[in-house]
């Protein structure tokens, strides 16, 4: 697993075929499909059990729905959510400042509308 340039989005790159994908649920599904060919023994039952699938579905369908509204309650929380931009070396100081201020403003304006 690698990370996107912004270090917030996981990206799986499979060496066998060079296929890359993002989105956690798709990555887990692809890993489960490749388990029979894994170089080390893996307990597939732990990842493909009905309990694991139920929690994965809950995290996408329920938890994710509450995360955005909770991090956009105020401009300060929106700015904090975008704080990671300060650590992206390829962003200029102007880019970092604009992302945090304009991005936080847009996020706070969208609060309750998404």
C-alpha atoms as a PDB file:
ATOM      1  CA  UNK A   1       0.000   0.000   0.000  1.00  0.00           C
ATOM      2  CA  UNK A   2       1.266   3.409  -0.922  1.00  0.00           C
ATOM      3  CA  UNK A   3      -0.207   6.782  -0.112  1.00  0.00           C
ATOM      4  CA  UNK A   4      -1.344   9.494  -2.453  1.00  0.00           C
ATOM      5  CA  UNK A   5       0.752  12.632  -2.712  1.00  0.00           C
ATOM      6  CA  UNK A   6      -1.396  14.200   0.012  1.00  0.00           C
ATOM      7  CA  UNK A   7      -0.935  11.252   2.433  1.00  0.00           C
ATOM      8  CA  UNK A   8      -4.640  10.942   3.173  1.00  0.00           C
ATOM      9  CA  UNK A   9      -5.828   8.494   0.544  1.00  0.00           C
ATOM     10  CA  UNK A  10      -4.516   4.923   0.576  1.00  0.00           C
ATOM     11  CA  UNK A  11      -3.561   3.560  -2.826  1.00  0.00           C
ATOM     12  CA  UNK A  12      -2.853  -0.124  -3.342  1.00  0.00           C
ATOM     13  CA  UNK A  13      -0.405  -0.936  -6.123  1.00  0.00           C
ATOM     14  CA  UNK A  14      -0.188  -4.626  -6.897  1.00  0.00           C
ATOM     15  CA  UNK A  15       3.264  -5.594  -8.100  1.00  0.00           C
ATOM     16  CA  UNK A  16       2.127  -8.655 -10.048  1.00  0.00           C
ATOM     17  CA  UNK A  17       0.123  -6.648 -12.573  1.00  0.00           C
ATOM     18  CA  UNK A  18       0.892  -3.026 -11.644  1.00  0.00           C
ATOM     19  CA  UNK A  19      -2.797  -2.419 -11.006  1.00  0.00           C
ATOM     20  CA  UNK A  20      -3.469   0.531  -8.689  1.00  0.00           C
ATOM     21  CA  UNK A  21      -6.696   1.352  -6.877  1.00  0.00           C
ATOM     22  CA  UNK A  22      -7.965   3.544  -4.097  1.00  0.00           C
ATOM     23  CA  UNK A  23     -10.954   3.332  -1.750  1.00  0.00           C
ATOM     24  CA  UNK A  24     -10.446   1.113   1.249  1.00  0.00           C
ATOM     25  CA  UNK A  25     -13.284  -1.316   0.561  1.00  0.00           C
ATOM     26  CA  UNK A  26     -12.037  -1.974  -2.989  1.00  0.00           C
ATOM     27  CA  UNK A  27      -8.492  -2.493  -1.686  1.00  0.00           C
ATOM     28  CA  UNK A  28      -9.673  -5.068   0.869  1.00  0.00           C
ATOM     29  CA  UNK A  29     -11.712  -6.904  -1.798  1.00  0.00           C
ATOM     30  CA  UNK A  30      -8.698  -7.011  -4.131  1.00  0.00           C
ATOM     31  CA  UNK A  31      -6.462  -8.279  -1.330  1.00  0.00           C
ATOM     32  CA  UNK A  32      -8.951 -11.026  -0.470  1.00  0.00           C
ATOM     33  CA  UNK A  33      -9.018 -12.073  -4.134  1.00  0.00           C
ATOM     34  CA  UNK A  34      -5.215 -12.325  -4.107  1.00  0.00           C
ATOM     35  CA  UNK A  35      -4.870 -14.171  -0.764  1.00  0.00           C
ATOM     36  CA  UNK A  36      -4.410 -17.616  -2.284  1.00  0.00           C
ATOM     37  CA  UNK A  37      -1.265 -16.248  -3.952  1.00  0.00           C
ATOM     38  CA  UNK A  38       0.075 -14.351  -0.911  1.00  0.00           C
ATOM     39  CA  UNK A  39       3.802 -14.848  -0.203  1.00  0.00           C
ATOM     40  CA  UNK A  40       3.090 -15.210   3.531  1.00  0.00           C
ATOM     41  CA  UNK A  41       0.281 -17.092   5.271  1.00  0.00           C
ATOM     42  CA  UNK A  42      -2.722 -14.888   5.954  1.00  0.00           C
ATOM     43  CA  UNK A  43      -5.820 -15.655   7.957  1.00  0.00           C
ATOM     44  CA  UNK A  44      -8.382 -14.897   5.251  1.00  0.00           C
ATOM     45  CA  UNK A  45     -11.247 -15.768   7.583  1.00  0.00           C
ATOM     46  CA  UNK A  46     -10.485 -12.712   9.723  1.00  0.00           C
ATOM     47  CA  UNK A  47     -10.990 -10.397   6.760  1.00  0.00           C
ATOM     48  CA  UNK A  48     -13.798 -12.168   4.953  1.00  0.00           C
ATOM     49  CA  UNK A  49     -15.946 -13.143   7.923  1.00  0.00           C
ATOM     50  CA  UNK A  50     -19.495 -11.876   8.063  1.00  0.00           C
ATOM     51  CA  UNK A  51     -18.544  -9.812  11.130  1.00  0.00           C
ATOM     52  CA  UNK A  52     -15.670  -8.114   9.284  1.00  0.00           C
ATOM     53  CA  UNK A  53     -17.903  -7.431   6.288  1.00  0.00           C
ATOM     54  CA  UNK A  54     -20.610  -6.022   8.554  1.00  0.00           C
ATOM     55  CA  UNK A  55     -18.166  -3.586  10.190  1.00  0.00           C
ATOM     56  CA  UNK A  56     -16.694  -2.576   6.846  1.00  0.00           C
ATOM     57  CA  UNK A  57     -20.177  -1.882   5.491  1.00  0.00           C
ATOM     58  CA  UNK A  58     -21.066   0.052   8.655  1.00  0.00           C
ATOM     59  CA  UNK A  59     -17.944   2.212   8.375  1.00  0.00           C
ATOM     60  CA  UNK A  60     -18.815   3.162   4.797  1.00  0.00           C
ATOM     61  CA  UNK A  61     -22.593   3.488   5.172  1.00  0.00           C
ATOM     62  CA  UNK A  62     -22.893   4.889   8.710  1.00  0.00           C
ATOM     63  CA  UNK A  63     -19.611   6.270  10.076  1.00  0.00           C
ATOM     64  CA  UNK A  64     -18.565   8.124   6.932  1.00  0.00           C
ATOM     65  CA  UNK A  65     -21.946   9.859   6.809  1.00  0.00           C
ATOM     66  CA  UNK A  66     -21.294  11.452  10.207  1.00  0.00           C
ATOM     67  CA  UNK A  67     -17.654  12.372   9.695  1.00  0.00           C
ATOM     68  CA  UNK A  68     -18.105  15.237   7.219  1.00  0.00           C
ATOM     69  CA  UNK A  69     -20.825  17.059   9.182  1.00  0.00           C
ATOM     70  CA  UNK A  70     -18.771  16.737  12.365  1.00  0.00           C
ATOM     71  CA  UNK A  71     -15.611  18.178  10.860  1.00  0.00           C
ATOM     72  CA  UNK A  72     -17.412  21.068   9.155  1.00  0.00           C
ATOM     73  CA  UNK A  73     -19.327  22.472  12.113  1.00  0.00           C
ATOM     74  CA  UNK A  74     -17.194  25.608  12.189  1.00  0.00           C
ATOM     75  CA  UNK A  75     -14.592  27.353  10.070  1.00  0.00           C
ATOM     76  CA  UNK A  76     -11.924  26.434  12.648  1.00  0.00           C
ATOM     77  CA  UNK A  77     -12.737  22.719  12.387  1.00  0.00           C
ATOM     78  CA  UNK A  78     -12.679  22.931   8.589  1.00  0.00           C
ATOM     79  CA  UNK A  79      -9.285  24.614   8.726  1.00  0.00           C
ATOM     80  CA  UNK A  80      -8.023  21.906  11.077  1.00  0.00           C
ATOM     81  CA  UNK A  81      -9.244  19.222   8.662  1.00  0.00           C
ATOM     82  CA  UNK A  82      -7.133  20.831   5.941  1.00  0.00           C
ATOM     83  CA  UNK A  83      -4.078  21.198   8.160  1.00  0.00           C
ATOM     84  CA  UNK A  84      -2.327  18.311   6.396  1.00  0.00           C
ATOM     85  CA  UNK A  85      -1.765  20.628   3.408  1.00  0.00           C
ATOM     86  CA  UNK A  86       0.941  22.374   5.424  1.00  0.00           C
ATOM     87  CA  UNK A  87       3.039  19.198   5.193  1.00  0.00           C
ATOM     88  CA  UNK A  88       2.748  18.744   1.415  1.00  0.00           C
ATOM     89  CA  UNK A  89       6.141  19.866   0.187  1.00  0.00           C
ATOM     90  CA  UNK A  90       5.013  20.354  -3.416  1.00  0.00           C
ATOM     91  CA  UNK A  91       2.518  23.073  -2.370  1.00  0.00           C
ATOM     92  CA  UNK A  92       3.780  26.637  -2.333  1.00  0.00           C
ATOM     93  CA  UNK A  93       3.129  28.838   0.684  1.00  0.00           C
ATOM     94  CA  UNK A  94       0.391  30.577  -1.287  1.00  0.00           C
ATOM     95  CA  UNK A  95      -1.204  27.234  -2.212  1.00  0.00           C
ATOM     96  CA  UNK A  96      -1.167  26.118   1.421  1.00  0.00           C
ATOM     97  CA  UNK A  97      -2.722  29.346   2.608  1.00  0.00           C
ATOM     98  CA  UNK A  98      -5.410  29.349  -0.082  1.00  0.00           C
ATOM     99  CA  UNK A  99      -6.312  25.714   0.494  1.00  0.00           C
ATOM    100  CA  UNK A 100      -6.742  26.241   4.214  1.00  0.00           C
ATOM    101  CA  UNK A 101      -8.647  29.520   4.034  1.00  0.00           C
ATOM    102  CA  UNK A 102     -10.735  29.182   0.878  1.00  0.00           C
ATOM    103  CA  UNK A 103     -11.145  25.429   1.329  1.00  0.00           C
ATOM    104  CA  UNK A 104     -12.257  25.848   4.924  1.00  0.00           C
ATOM    105  CA  UNK A 105     -14.655  28.601   3.887  1.00  0.00           C
ATOM    106  CA  UNK A 106     -16.175  26.374   1.179  1.00  0.00           C
ATOM    107  CA  UNK A 107     -16.445  23.429   3.548  1.00  0.00           C
ATOM    108  CA  UNK A 108     -18.125  25.511   6.227  1.00  0.00           C
ATOM    109  CA  UNK A 109     -20.575  26.960   3.680  1.00  0.00           C
ATOM    110  CA  UNK A 110     -21.426  23.424   2.479  1.00  0.00           C
ATOM    111  CA  UNK A 111     -22.094  22.237   6.041  1.00  0.00           C
ATOM    112  CA  UNK A 112     -25.607  20.867   6.248  1.00  0.00           C
ATOM    113  CA  UNK A 113     -26.095  20.960   2.478  1.00  0.00           C
ATOM    114  CA  UNK A 114     -24.292  17.731   1.603  1.00  0.00           C
END
